[in-house]
Amino acid sequence: MKKQAIVFWALIALAAFGIVDGLFGGGSTNWTGILIPALIVGIVFLLYKYPPRKYRRQNPKVKPSAPTMSKLAAERRSTSSGQKRKAYPFQVIDGQKGKNDDDMPRYH
């Protein structure tokens, strides 16, 4: 296990223990001690999930050119029609040495 993971889970365990102890321990509950950190965590989570517009990544939309679209259409037509063919990533090419049947093993 990585050192950062051990530290992370130790901090999570201590935080959980502190929350449970704050809620149920000591008789009187100090709600402000729980409410303020919970609000801060909630605000940080919301800002992470839905960042303001000026901090969002802006992906410009690029319209593909006509030749690109025609290539894509041709690929779609060729793959969907007709025969299914297996595409192998390599091909065996015989070498220049002559094959000797005496050296071939009888059983593999």
PDB file of N, CA and C in Angstrom:
ATOM      1  N   MET A   1       0.839  -1.179   0.000  1.00  0.00           N
ATOM      2  CA  MET A   1       0.000   0.000   0.000  1.00  0.00           C
ATOM      3  C   MET A   1       0.887   1.246   0.000  1.00  0.00           C
ATOM      4  N   LYS A   2       0.464   2.260  -0.701  1.00  0.00           N
ATOM      5  CA  LYS A   2       1.266   3.468  -0.776  1.00  0.00           C
ATOM      6  C   LYS A   2       1.151   4.272   0.511  1.00  0.00           C
ATOM      7  N   LYS A   3       2.189   5.061   0.756  1.00  0.00           N
ATOM      8  CA  LYS A   3       2.224   5.863   1.979  1.00  0.00           C
ATOM      9  C   LYS A   3       1.092   6.888   2.008  1.00  0.00           C
ATOM     10  N   GLN A   4       0.771   7.481   0.824  1.00  0.00           N
ATOM     11  CA  GLN A   4      -0.293   8.474   0.771  1.00  0.00           C
ATOM     12  C   GLN A   4      -1.644   7.844   1.093  1.00  0.00           C
ATOM     13  N   ALA A   5      -1.863   6.600   0.661  1.00  0.00           N
ATOM     14  CA  ALA A   5      -3.135   5.934   0.920  1.00  0.00           C
ATOM     15  C   ALA A   5      -3.296   5.663   2.409  1.00  0.00           C
ATOM     16  N   ILE A   6      -2.223   5.284   3.074  1.00  0.00           N
ATOM     17  CA  ILE A   6      -2.297   5.028   4.516  1.00  0.00           C
ATOM     18  C   ILE A   6      -2.637   6.312   5.264  1.00  0.00           C
ATOM     19  N   VAL A   7      -1.982   7.396   4.893  1.00  0.00           N
ATOM     20  CA  VAL A   7      -2.252   8.686   5.541  1.00  0.00           C
ATOM     21  C   VAL A   7      -3.687   9.126   5.267  1.00  0.00           C
ATOM     22  N   PHE A   8      -4.149   8.956   4.023  1.00  0.00           N
ATOM     23  CA  PHE A   8      -5.505   9.358   3.654  1.00  0.00           C
ATOM     24  C   PHE A   8      -6.539   8.603   4.487  1.00  0.00           C
ATOM     25  N   TRP A   9      -6.426   7.273   4.557  1.00  0.00           N
ATOM     26  CA  TRP A   9      -7.412   6.488   5.300  1.00  0.00           C
ATOM     27  C   TRP A   9      -7.314   6.724   6.802  1.00  0.00           C
ATOM     28  N   ALA A  10      -6.128   7.032   7.306  1.00  0.00           N
ATOM     29  CA  ALA A  10      -5.997   7.371   8.730  1.00  0.00           C
ATOM     30  C   ALA A  10      -6.730   8.680   9.027  1.00  0.00           C
ATOM     31  N   LEU A  11      -6.593   9.655   8.125  1.00  0.00           N
ATOM     32  CA  LEU A  11      -7.304  10.925   8.323  1.00  0.00           C
ATOM     33  C   LEU A  11      -8.813  10.751   8.208  1.00  0.00           C
ATOM     34  N   ILE A  12      -9.271   9.911   7.285  1.00  0.00           N
ATOM     35  CA  ILE A  12     -10.705   9.646   7.150  1.00  0.00           C
ATOM     36  C   ILE A  12     -11.236   8.993   8.422  1.00  0.00           C
ATOM     37  N   ALA A  13     -10.496   8.027   8.954  1.00  0.00           N
ATOM     38  CA  ALA A  13     -10.930   7.349  10.184  1.00  0.00           C
ATOM     39  C   ALA A  13     -10.989   8.322  11.354  1.00  0.00           C
ATOM     40  N   LEU A  14      -9.983   9.187  11.492  1.00  0.00           N
ATOM     41  CA  LEU A  14     -10.001  10.173  12.583  1.00  0.00           C
ATOM     42  C   LEU A  14     -11.149  11.170  12.416  1.00  0.00           C
ATOM     43  N   ALA A  15     -11.425  11.584  11.180  1.00  0.00           N
ATOM     44  CA  ALA A  15     -12.533  12.507  10.944  1.00  0.00           C
ATOM     45  C   ALA A  15     -13.865  11.851  11.285  1.00  0.00           C
ATOM     46  N   ALA A  16     -14.036  10.592  10.888  1.00  0.00           N
ATOM     47  CA  ALA A  16     -15.280   9.884  11.211  1.00  0.00           C
ATOM     48  C   ALA A  16     -15.433   9.731  12.721  1.00  0.00           C
ATOM     49  N   PHE A  17     -14.335   9.400  13.394  1.00  0.00           N
ATOM     50  CA  PHE A  17     -14.389   9.279  14.852  1.00  0.00           C
ATOM     51  C   PHE A  17     -14.753  10.612  15.489  1.00  0.00           C
ATOM     52  N   GLY A  18     -14.183  11.700  14.992  1.00  0.00           N
ATOM     53  CA  GLY A  18     -14.493  13.023  15.538  1.00  0.00           C
ATOM     54  C   GLY A  18     -15.948  13.412  15.322  1.00  0.00           C
ATOM     55  N   ILE A  19     -16.504  13.065  14.162  1.00  0.00           N
ATOM     56  CA  ILE A  19     -17.910  13.388  13.890  1.00  0.00           C
ATOM     57  C   ILE A  19     -18.828  12.587  14.801  1.00  0.00           C
ATOM     58  N   VAL A  20     -18.557  11.302  14.922  1.00  0.00           N
ATOM     59  CA  VAL A  20     -19.396  10.455  15.783  1.00  0.00           C
ATOM     60  C   VAL A  20     -19.268  10.893  17.232  1.00  0.00           C
ATOM     61  N   ASP A  21     -18.063  11.206  17.685  1.00  0.00           N
ATOM     62  CA  ASP A  21     -17.866  11.662  19.054  1.00  0.00           C
ATOM     63  C   ASP A  21     -18.550  13.013  19.286  1.00  0.00           C
ATOM     64  N   GLY A  22     -18.520  13.882  18.285  1.00  0.00           N
ATOM     65  CA  GLY A  22     -19.175  15.175  18.424  1.00  0.00           C
ATOM     66  C   GLY A  22     -20.686  15.067  18.475  1.00  0.00           C
ATOM     67  N   LEU A  23     -21.252  14.097  17.758  1.00  0.00           N
ATOM     68  CA  LEU A  23     -22.703  13.934  17.749  1.00  0.00           C
ATOM     69  C   LEU A  23     -23.214  13.244  19.007  1.00  0.00           C
ATOM     70  N   PHE A  24     -22.570  12.177  19.409  1.00  0.00           N
ATOM     71  CA  PHE A  24     -23.120  11.343  20.472  1.00  0.00           C
ATOM     72  C   PHE A  24     -22.363  11.414  21.791  1.00  0.00           C
ATOM     73  N   GLY A  25     -21.224  11.986  21.830  1.00  0.00           N
ATOM     74  CA  GLY A  25     -20.444  12.023  23.067  1.00  0.00           C
ATOM     75  C   GLY A  25     -20.646  13.314  23.834  1.00  0.00           C
ATOM     76  N   GLY A  26     -20.435  13.264  25.124  1.00  0.00           N
ATOM     77  CA  GLY A  26     -20.413  14.470  25.947  1.00  0.00           C
ATOM     78  C   GLY A  26     -21.761  15.004  26.373  1.00  0.00           C
ATOM     79  N   GLY A  27     -22.853  14.386  26.079  1.00  0.00           N
ATOM     80  CA  GLY A  27     -24.164  14.824  26.547  1.00  0.00           C
ATOM     81  C   GLY A  27     -24.740  15.956  25.737  1.00  0.00           C
ATOM     82  N   SER A  28     -24.132  17.129  25.737  1.00  0.00           N
ATOM     83  CA  SER A  28     -24.668  18.263  24.986  1.00  0.00           C
ATOM     84  C   SER A  28     -23.958  18.343  23.634  1.00  0.00           C
ATOM     85  N   THR A  29     -24.748  18.498  22.606  1.00  0.00           N
ATOM     86  CA  THR A  29     -24.203  18.518  21.261  1.00  0.00           C
ATOM     87  C   THR A  29     -23.863  19.941  20.872  1.00  0.00           C
ATOM     88  N   ASN A  30     -22.657  20.131  20.376  1.00  0.00           N
ATOM     89  CA  ASN A  30     -22.220  21.426  19.898  1.00  0.00           C
ATOM     90  C   ASN A  30     -22.447  21.451  18.389  1.00  0.00           C
ATOM     91  N   TRP A  31     -23.623  21.943  17.960  1.00  0.00           N
ATOM     92  CA  TRP A  31     -24.004  21.896  16.549  1.00  0.00           C
ATOM     93  C   TRP A  31     -23.149  22.814  15.686  1.00  0.00           C
ATOM     94  N   THR A  32     -22.666  23.919  16.252  1.00  0.00           N
ATOM     95  CA  THR A  32     -21.844  24.818  15.440  1.00  0.00           C
ATOM     96  C   THR A  32     -20.508  24.177  15.099  1.00  0.00           C
ATOM     97  N   GLY A  33     -20.015  23.307  15.964  1.00  0.00           N
ATOM     98  CA  GLY A  33     -18.767  22.611  15.693  1.00  0.00           C
ATOM     99  C   GLY A  33     -18.904  21.605  14.560  1.00  0.00           C
ATOM    100  N   ILE A  34     -20.118  21.160  14.285  1.00  0.00           N
ATOM    101  CA  ILE A  34     -20.365  20.207  13.202  1.00  0.00           C
ATOM    102  C   ILE A  34     -20.909  20.923  11.973  1.00  0.00           C
ATOM    103  N   LEU A  35     -21.739  21.936  12.194  1.00  0.00           N
ATOM    104  CA  LEU A  35     -22.417  22.613  11.097  1.00  0.00           C
ATOM    105  C   LEU A  35     -21.447  23.400  10.201  1.00  0.00           C
ATOM    106  N   ILE A  36     -20.519  24.119  10.791  1.00  0.00           N
ATOM    107  CA  ILE A  36     -19.590  24.937   9.996  1.00  0.00           C
ATOM    108  C   ILE A  36     -18.693  24.069   9.109  1.00  0.00           C
ATOM    109  N   PRO A  37     -18.039  23.019   9.616  1.00  0.00           N
ATOM    110  CA  PRO A  37     -17.248  22.175   8.706  1.00  0.00           C
ATOM    111  C   PRO A  37     -18.102  21.476   7.648  1.00  0.00           C
ATOM    112  N   ALA A  38     -19.325  21.082   8.008  1.00  0.00           N
ATOM    113  CA  ALA A  38     -20.199  20.438   7.026  1.00  0.00           C
ATOM    114  C   ALA A  38     -20.573  21.416   5.910  1.00  0.00           C
ATOM    115  N   LEU A  39     -20.841  22.662   6.259  1.00  0.00           N
ATOM    116  CA  LEU A  39     -21.134  23.677   5.240  1.00  0.00           C
ATOM    117  C   LEU A  39     -19.930  23.933   4.341  1.00  0.00           C
ATOM    118  N   ILE A  40     -18.745  24.003   4.934  1.00  0.00           N
ATOM    119  CA  ILE A  40     -17.543  24.240   4.139  1.00  0.00           C
ATOM    120  C   ILE A  40     -17.302  23.081   3.177  1.00  0.00           C
ATOM    121  N   VAL A  41     -17.438  21.842   3.666  1.00  0.00           N
ATOM    122  CA  VAL A  41     -17.262  20.674   2.805  1.00  0.00           C
ATOM    123  C   VAL A  41     -18.312  20.677   1.694  1.00  0.00           C
ATOM    124  N   GLY A  42     -19.550  21.031   2.010  1.00  0.00           N
ATOM    125  CA  GLY A  42     -20.605  21.086   1.009  1.00  0.00           C
ATOM    126  C   GLY A  42     -20.339  22.137  -0.057  1.00  0.00           C
ATOM    127  N   ILE A  43     -19.882  23.307   0.359  1.00  0.00           N
ATOM    128  CA  ILE A  43     -19.588  24.382  -0.597  1.00  0.00           C
ATOM    129  C   ILE A  43     -18.428  23.990  -1.502  1.00  0.00           C
ATOM    130  N   VAL A  44     -17.387  23.401  -0.920  1.00  0.00           N
ATOM    131  CA  VAL A  44     -16.236  22.965  -1.733  1.00  0.00           C
ATOM    132  C   VAL A  44     -16.670  21.900  -2.726  1.00  0.00           C
ATOM    133  N   PHE A  45     -17.518  20.958  -2.286  1.00  0.00           N
ATOM    134  CA  PHE A  45     -18.005  19.916  -3.191  1.00  0.00           C
ATOM    135  C   PHE A  45     -18.818  20.513  -4.334  1.00  0.00           C
ATOM    136  N   LEU A  46     -19.705  21.437  -4.033  1.00  0.00           N
ATOM    137  CA  LEU A  46     -20.510  22.068  -5.078  1.00  0.00           C
ATOM    138  C   LEU A  46     -19.648  22.871  -6.055  1.00  0.00           C
ATOM    139  N   LEU A  47     -18.633  23.561  -5.549  1.00  0.00           N
ATOM    140  CA  LEU A  47     -17.742  24.304  -6.446  1.00  0.00           C
ATOM    141  C   LEU A  47     -16.913  23.357  -7.303  1.00  0.00           C
ATOM    142  N   TYR A  48     -16.571  22.203  -6.762  1.00  0.00           N
ATOM    143  CA  TYR A  48     -15.826  21.215  -7.540  1.00  0.00           C
ATOM    144  C   TYR A  48     -16.708  20.608  -8.623  1.00  0.00           C
ATOM    145  N   LYS A  49     -17.940  20.284  -8.255  1.00  0.00           N
ATOM    146  CA  LYS A  49     -18.855  19.633  -9.189  1.00  0.00           C
ATOM    147  C   LYS A  49     -19.367  20.619 -10.249  1.00  0.00           C
ATOM    148  N   TYR A  50     -19.702  21.828  -9.846  1.00  0.00           N
ATOM    149  CA  TYR A  50     -20.233  22.849 -10.753  1.00  0.00           C
ATOM    150  C   TYR A  50     -19.384  24.120 -10.631  1.00  0.00           C
ATOM    151  N   PRO A  51     -18.219  24.177 -11.293  1.00  0.00           N
ATOM    152  CA  PRO A  51     -17.355  25.354 -11.155  1.00  0.00           C
ATOM    153  C   PRO A  51     -17.967  26.579 -11.834  1.00  0.00           C
ATOM    154  N   PRO A  52     -17.545  27.783 -11.416  1.00  0.00           N
ATOM    155  CA  PRO A  52     -18.013  28.999 -12.092  1.00  0.00           C
ATOM    156  C   PRO A  52     -17.576  29.002 -13.556  1.00  0.00           C
ATOM    157  N   ARG A  53     -18.275  29.774 -14.373  1.00  0.00           N
ATOM    158  CA  ARG A  53     -18.032  29.761 -15.826  1.00  0.00           C
ATOM    159  C   ARG A  53     -16.611  30.144 -16.195  1.00  0.00           C
ATOM    160  N   LYS A  54     -16.014  31.072 -15.483  1.00  0.00           N
ATOM    161  CA  LYS A  54     -14.681  31.516 -15.894  1.00  0.00           C
ATOM    162  C   LYS A  54     -13.606  30.484 -15.590  1.00  0.00           C
ATOM    163  N   TYR A  55     -13.904  29.471 -14.753  1.00  0.00           N
ATOM    164  CA  TYR A  55     -12.926  28.430 -14.457  1.00  0.00           C
ATOM    165  C   TYR A  55     -13.199  27.128 -15.196  1.00  0.00           C
ATOM    166  N   ARG A  56     -14.293  27.056 -15.945  1.00  0.00           N
ATOM    167  CA  ARG A  56     -14.602  25.845 -16.698  1.00  0.00           C
ATOM    168  C   ARG A  56     -13.701  25.756 -17.916  1.00  0.00           C
ATOM    169  N   ARG A  57     -13.437  24.517 -18.321  1.00  0.00           N
ATOM    170  CA  ARG A  57     -12.686  24.315 -19.560  1.00  0.00           C
ATOM    171  C   ARG A  57     -13.615  24.589 -20.727  1.00  0.00           C
ATOM    172  N   GLN A  58     -13.098  25.309 -21.677  1.00  0.00           N
ATOM    173  CA  GLN A  58     -13.910  25.633 -22.834  1.00  0.00           C
ATOM    174  C   GLN A  58     -13.366  24.850 -24.017  1.00  0.00           C
ATOM    175  N   ASN A  59     -14.146  23.910 -24.501  1.00  0.00           N
ATOM    176  CA  ASN A  59     -13.757  23.142 -25.666  1.00  0.00           C
ATOM    177  C   ASN A  59     -14.399  23.757 -26.899  1.00  0.00           C
ATOM    178  N   PRO A  60     -13.596  24.347 -27.774  1.00  0.00           N
ATOM    179  CA  PRO A  60     -14.196  24.954 -28.963  1.00  0.00           C
ATOM    180  C   PRO A  60     -14.738  23.870 -29.890  1.00  0.00           C
ATOM    181  N   LYS A  61     -15.901  24.135 -30.449  1.00  0.00           N
ATOM    182  CA  LYS A  61     -16.497  23.184 -31.381  1.00  0.00           C
ATOM    183  C   LYS A  61     -15.893  23.434 -32.761  1.00  0.00           C
ATOM    184  N   VAL A  62     -15.357  22.361 -33.342  1.00  0.00           N
ATOM    185  CA  VAL A  62     -14.728  22.448 -34.647  1.00  0.00           C
ATOM    186  C   VAL A  62     -15.573  21.654 -35.624  1.00  0.00           C
ATOM    187  N   LYS A  63     -15.963  22.313 -36.709  1.00  0.00           N
ATOM    188  CA  LYS A  63     -16.754  21.638 -37.718  1.00  0.00           C
ATOM    189  C   LYS A  63     -15.809  20.894 -38.653  1.00  0.00           C
ATOM    190  N   PRO A  64     -15.995  19.572 -38.824  1.00  0.00           N
ATOM    191  CA  PRO A  64     -15.112  18.826 -39.721  1.00  0.00           C
ATOM    192  C   PRO A  64     -15.309  19.252 -41.167  1.00  0.00           C
ATOM    193  N   SER A  65     -14.226  19.134 -41.939  1.00  0.00           N
ATOM    194  CA  SER A  65     -14.281  19.533 -43.344  1.00  0.00           C
ATOM    195  C   SER A  65     -15.054  18.503 -44.162  1.00  0.00           C
ATOM    196  N   ALA A  66     -15.405  18.867 -45.371  1.00  0.00           N
ATOM    197  CA  ALA A  66     -16.162  17.985 -46.260  1.00  0.00           C
ATOM    198  C   ALA A  66     -15.392  16.700 -46.595  1.00  0.00           C
ATOM    199  N   PRO A  67     -14.074  16.767 -46.898  1.00  0.00           N
ATOM    200  CA  PRO A  67     -13.357  15.517 -47.166  1.00  0.00           C
ATOM    201  C   PRO A  67     -13.332  14.578 -45.958  1.00  0.00           C
ATOM    202  N   THR A  68     -13.220  15.130 -44.789  1.00  0.00           N
ATOM    203  CA  THR A  68     -13.217  14.302 -43.576  1.00  0.00           C
ATOM    204  C   THR A  68     -14.564  13.621 -43.403  1.00  0.00           C
ATOM    205  N   MET A  69     -15.622  14.361 -43.617  1.00  0.00           N
ATOM    206  CA  MET A  69     -16.960  13.773 -43.475  1.00  0.00           C
ATOM    207  C   MET A  69     -17.190  12.686 -44.517  1.00  0.00           C
ATOM    208  N   SER A  70     -16.677  12.885 -45.748  1.00  0.00           N
ATOM    209  CA  SER A  70     -16.859  11.860 -46.778  1.00  0.00           C
ATOM    210  C   SER A  70     -16.079  10.597 -46.429  1.00  0.00           C
ATOM    211  N   LYS A  71     -14.882  10.746 -45.849  1.00  0.00           N
ATOM    212  CA  LYS A  71     -14.109   9.576 -45.415  1.00  0.00           C
ATOM    213  C   LYS A  71     -14.844   8.816 -44.324  1.00  0.00           C
ATOM    214  N   LEU A  72     -15.397   9.526 -43.372  1.00  0.00           N
ATOM    215  CA  LEU A  72     -16.139   8.878 -42.288  1.00  0.00           C
ATOM    216  C   LEU A  72     -17.364   8.146 -42.822  1.00  0.00           C
ATOM    217  N   ALA A  73     -18.062   8.762 -43.756  1.00  0.00           N
ATOM    218  CA  ALA A  73     -19.243   8.126 -44.340  1.00  0.00           C
ATOM    219  C   ALA A  73     -18.852   6.875 -45.108  1.00  0.00           C
ATOM    220  N   ALA A  74     -17.723   6.924 -45.824  1.00  0.00           N
ATOM    221  CA  ALA A  74     -17.266   5.754 -46.581  1.00  0.00           C
ATOM    222  C   ALA A  74     -16.873   4.625 -45.639  1.00  0.00           C
ATOM    223  N   GLU A  75     -16.245   4.952 -44.521  1.00  0.00           N
ATOM    224  CA  GLU A  75     -15.868   3.923 -43.536  1.00  0.00           C
ATOM    225  C   GLU A  75     -17.110   3.280 -42.935  1.00  0.00           C
ATOM    226  N   ARG A  76     -18.108   4.065 -42.662  1.00  0.00           N
ATOM    227  CA  ARG A  76     -19.346   3.521 -42.091  1.00  0.00           C
ATOM    228  C   ARG A  76     -20.025   2.581 -43.078  1.00  0.00           C
ATOM    229  N   ARG A  77     -20.046   2.981 -44.349  1.00  0.00           N
ATOM    230  CA  ARG A  77     -20.673   2.133 -45.367  1.00  0.00           C
ATOM    231  C   ARG A  77     -19.910   0.830 -45.553  1.00  0.00           C
ATOM    232  N   SER A  78     -18.580   0.896 -45.573  1.00  0.00           N
ATOM    233  CA  SER A  78     -17.788  -0.305 -45.839  1.00  0.00           C
ATOM    234  C   SER A  78     -17.817  -1.277 -44.659  1.00  0.00           C
ATOM    235  N   THR A  79     -17.882  -0.791 -43.452  1.00  0.00           N
ATOM    236  CA  THR A  79     -17.891  -1.688 -42.294  1.00  0.00           C
ATOM    237  C   THR A  79     -19.250  -2.320 -42.087  1.00  0.00           C
ATOM    238  N   SER A  80     -20.301  -1.631 -42.438  1.00  0.00           N
ATOM    239  CA  SER A  80     -21.629  -2.157 -42.164  1.00  0.00           C
ATOM    240  C   SER A  80     -22.114  -3.118 -43.248  1.00  0.00           C
ATOM    241  N   SER A  81     -21.543  -3.028 -44.448  1.00  0.00           N
ATOM    242  CA  SER A  81     -22.073  -3.842 -45.532  1.00  0.00           C
ATOM    243  C   SER A  81     -21.238  -5.101 -45.733  1.00  0.00           C
ATOM    244  N   GLY A  82     -21.911  -6.157 -46.157  1.00  0.00           N
ATOM    245  CA  GLY A  82     -21.232  -7.336 -46.667  1.00  0.00           C
ATOM    246  C   GLY A  82     -20.589  -8.234 -45.648  1.00  0.00           C
ATOM    247  N   GLN A  83     -19.399  -8.670 -46.001  1.00  0.00           N
ATOM    248  CA  GLN A  83     -18.730  -9.747 -45.303  1.00  0.00           C
ATOM    249  C   GLN A  83     -18.035  -9.250 -44.047  1.00  0.00           C
ATOM    250  N   LYS A  84     -17.936 -10.192 -43.125  1.00  0.00           N
ATOM    251  CA  LYS A  84     -17.163  -9.920 -41.919  1.00  0.00           C
ATOM    252  C   LYS A  84     -15.763 -10.472 -42.155  1.00  0.00           C
ATOM    253  N   ARG A  85     -14.770  -9.687 -41.901  1.00  0.00           N
ATOM    254  CA  ARG A  85     -13.408 -10.125 -42.120  1.00  0.00           C
ATOM    255  C   ARG A  85     -12.594  -9.843 -40.870  1.00  0.00           C
ATOM    256  N   LYS A  86     -11.789 -10.811 -40.490  1.00  0.00           N
ATOM    257  CA  LYS A  86     -10.948 -10.624 -39.318  1.00  0.00           C
ATOM    258  C   LYS A  86      -9.732  -9.788 -39.704  1.00  0.00           C
ATOM    259  N   ALA A  87      -9.393  -8.855 -38.861  1.00  0.00           N
ATOM    260  CA  ALA A  87      -8.219  -8.028 -39.104  1.00  0.00           C
ATOM    261  C   ALA A  87      -7.124  -8.465 -38.141  1.00  0.00           C
ATOM    262  N   TYR A  88      -6.067  -9.037 -38.670  1.00  0.00           N
ATOM    263  CA  TYR A  88      -4.951  -9.476 -37.846  1.00  0.00           C
ATOM    264  C   TYR A  88      -3.905  -8.369 -37.804  1.00  0.00           C
ATOM    265  N   PRO A  89      -3.254  -8.180 -36.665  1.00  0.00           N
ATOM    266  CA  PRO A  89      -2.293  -7.080 -36.555  1.00  0.00           C
ATOM    267  C   PRO A  89      -0.953  -7.360 -37.231  1.00  0.00           C
ATOM    268  N   PHE A  90      -0.690  -8.600 -37.674  1.00  0.00           N
ATOM    269  CA  PHE A  90       0.580  -8.906 -38.308  1.00  0.00           C
ATOM    270  C   PHE A  90       0.395 -10.000 -39.347  1.00  0.00           C
ATOM    271  N   GLN A  91       1.443 -10.192 -40.147  1.00  0.00           N
ATOM    272  CA  GLN A  91       1.397 -11.206 -41.192  1.00  0.00           C
ATOM    273  C   GLN A  91       2.741 -11.931 -41.198  1.00  0.00           C
ATOM    274  N   VAL A  92       2.706 -13.235 -41.356  1.00  0.00           N
ATOM    275  CA  VAL A  92       3.925 -14.024 -41.376  1.00  0.00           C
ATOM    276  C   VAL A  92       4.504 -13.990 -42.778  1.00  0.00           C
ATOM    277  N   ILE A  93       5.776 -13.653 -42.870  1.00  0.00           N
ATOM    278  CA  ILE A  93       6.466 -13.607 -44.154  1.00  0.00           C
ATOM    279  C   ILE A  93       7.567 -14.661 -44.108  1.00  0.00           C
ATOM    280  N   ASP A  94       7.604 -15.556 -45.102  1.00  0.00           N
ATOM    281  CA  ASP A  94       8.630 -16.589 -45.155  1.00  0.00           C
ATOM    282  C   ASP A  94       9.987 -15.942 -45.382  1.00  0.00           C
ATOM    283  N   GLY A  95      10.986 -16.479 -44.688  1.00  0.00           N
ATOM    284  CA  GLY A  95      12.341 -15.949 -44.831  1.00  0.00           C
ATOM    285  C   GLY A  95      13.022 -16.462 -46.084  1.00  0.00           C
ATOM    286  N   GLN A  96      14.281 -16.068 -46.269  1.00  0.00           N
ATOM    287  CA  GLN A  96      15.021 -16.461 -47.465  1.00  0.00           C
ATOM    288  C   GLN A  96      15.707 -17.815 -47.312  1.00  0.00           C
ATOM    289  N   LYS A  97      15.829 -18.318 -46.100  1.00  0.00           N
ATOM    290  CA  LYS A  97      16.415 -19.634 -45.895  1.00  0.00           C
ATOM    291  C   LYS A  97      15.479 -20.686 -46.460  1.00  0.00           C
ATOM    292  N   GLY A  98      16.060 -21.725 -46.979  1.00  0.00           N
ATOM    293  CA  GLY A  98      15.237 -22.809 -47.479  1.00  0.00           C
ATOM    294  C   GLY A  98      14.729 -23.660 -46.328  1.00  0.00           C
ATOM    295  N   LYS A  99      13.555 -24.220 -46.486  1.00  0.00           N
ATOM    296  CA  LYS A  99      12.999 -25.075 -45.444  1.00  0.00           C
ATOM    297  C   LYS A  99      13.567 -26.480 -45.601  1.00  0.00           C
ATOM    298  N   ASN A 100      13.936 -27.087 -44.515  1.00  0.00           N
ATOM    299  CA  ASN A 100      14.462 -28.437 -44.511  1.00  0.00           C
ATOM    300  C   ASN A 100      13.483 -29.306 -43.738  1.00  0.00           C
ATOM    301  N   ASP A 101      12.879 -30.261 -44.404  1.00  0.00           N
ATOM    302  CA  ASP A 101      11.875 -31.103 -43.754  1.00  0.00           C
ATOM    303  C   ASP A 101      12.483 -32.031 -42.717  1.00  0.00           C
ATOM    304  N   ASP A 102      13.790 -32.306 -42.797  1.00  0.00           N
ATOM    305  CA  ASP A 102      14.429 -33.185 -41.821  1.00  0.00           C
ATOM    306  C   ASP A 102      14.527 -32.528 -40.456  1.00  0.00           C
ATOM    307  N   ASP A 103      14.639 -31.202 -40.417  1.00  0.00           N
ATOM    308  CA  ASP A 103      14.769 -30.493 -39.149  1.00  0.00           C
ATOM    309  C   ASP A 103      13.419 -30.268 -38.467  1.00  0.00           C
ATOM    310  N   MET A 104      12.356 -30.489 -39.169  1.00  0.00           N
ATOM    311  CA  MET A 104      11.026 -30.264 -38.604  1.00  0.00           C
ATOM    312  C   MET A 104      10.700 -31.359 -37.597  1.00  0.00           C
ATOM    313  N   PRO A 105      10.217 -31.029 -36.432  1.00  0.00           N
ATOM    314  CA  PRO A 105       9.835 -32.050 -35.464  1.00  0.00           C
ATOM    315  C   PRO A 105       8.588 -32.792 -35.934  1.00  0.00           C
ATOM    316  N   ARG A 106       8.487 -34.057 -35.558  1.00  0.00           N
ATOM    317  CA  ARG A 106       7.319 -34.868 -35.970  1.00  0.00           C
ATOM    318  C   ARG A 106       6.076 -34.448 -35.179  1.00  0.00           C
ATOM    319  N   TYR A 107       6.258 -34.173 -33.894  1.00  0.00           N
ATOM    320  CA  TYR A 107       5.121 -33.806 -33.038  1.00  0.00           C
ATOM    321  C   TYR A 107       5.435 -32.482 -32.382  1.00  0.00           C
ATOM    322  N   HIS A 108       4.426 -31.677 -32.237  1.00  0.00           N
ATOM    323  CA  HIS A 108       4.614 -30.348 -31.650  1.00  0.00           C
ATOM    324  C   HIS A 108       4.258 -30.363 -30.200  1.00  0.00           C
TER     325      HIS A 108
END
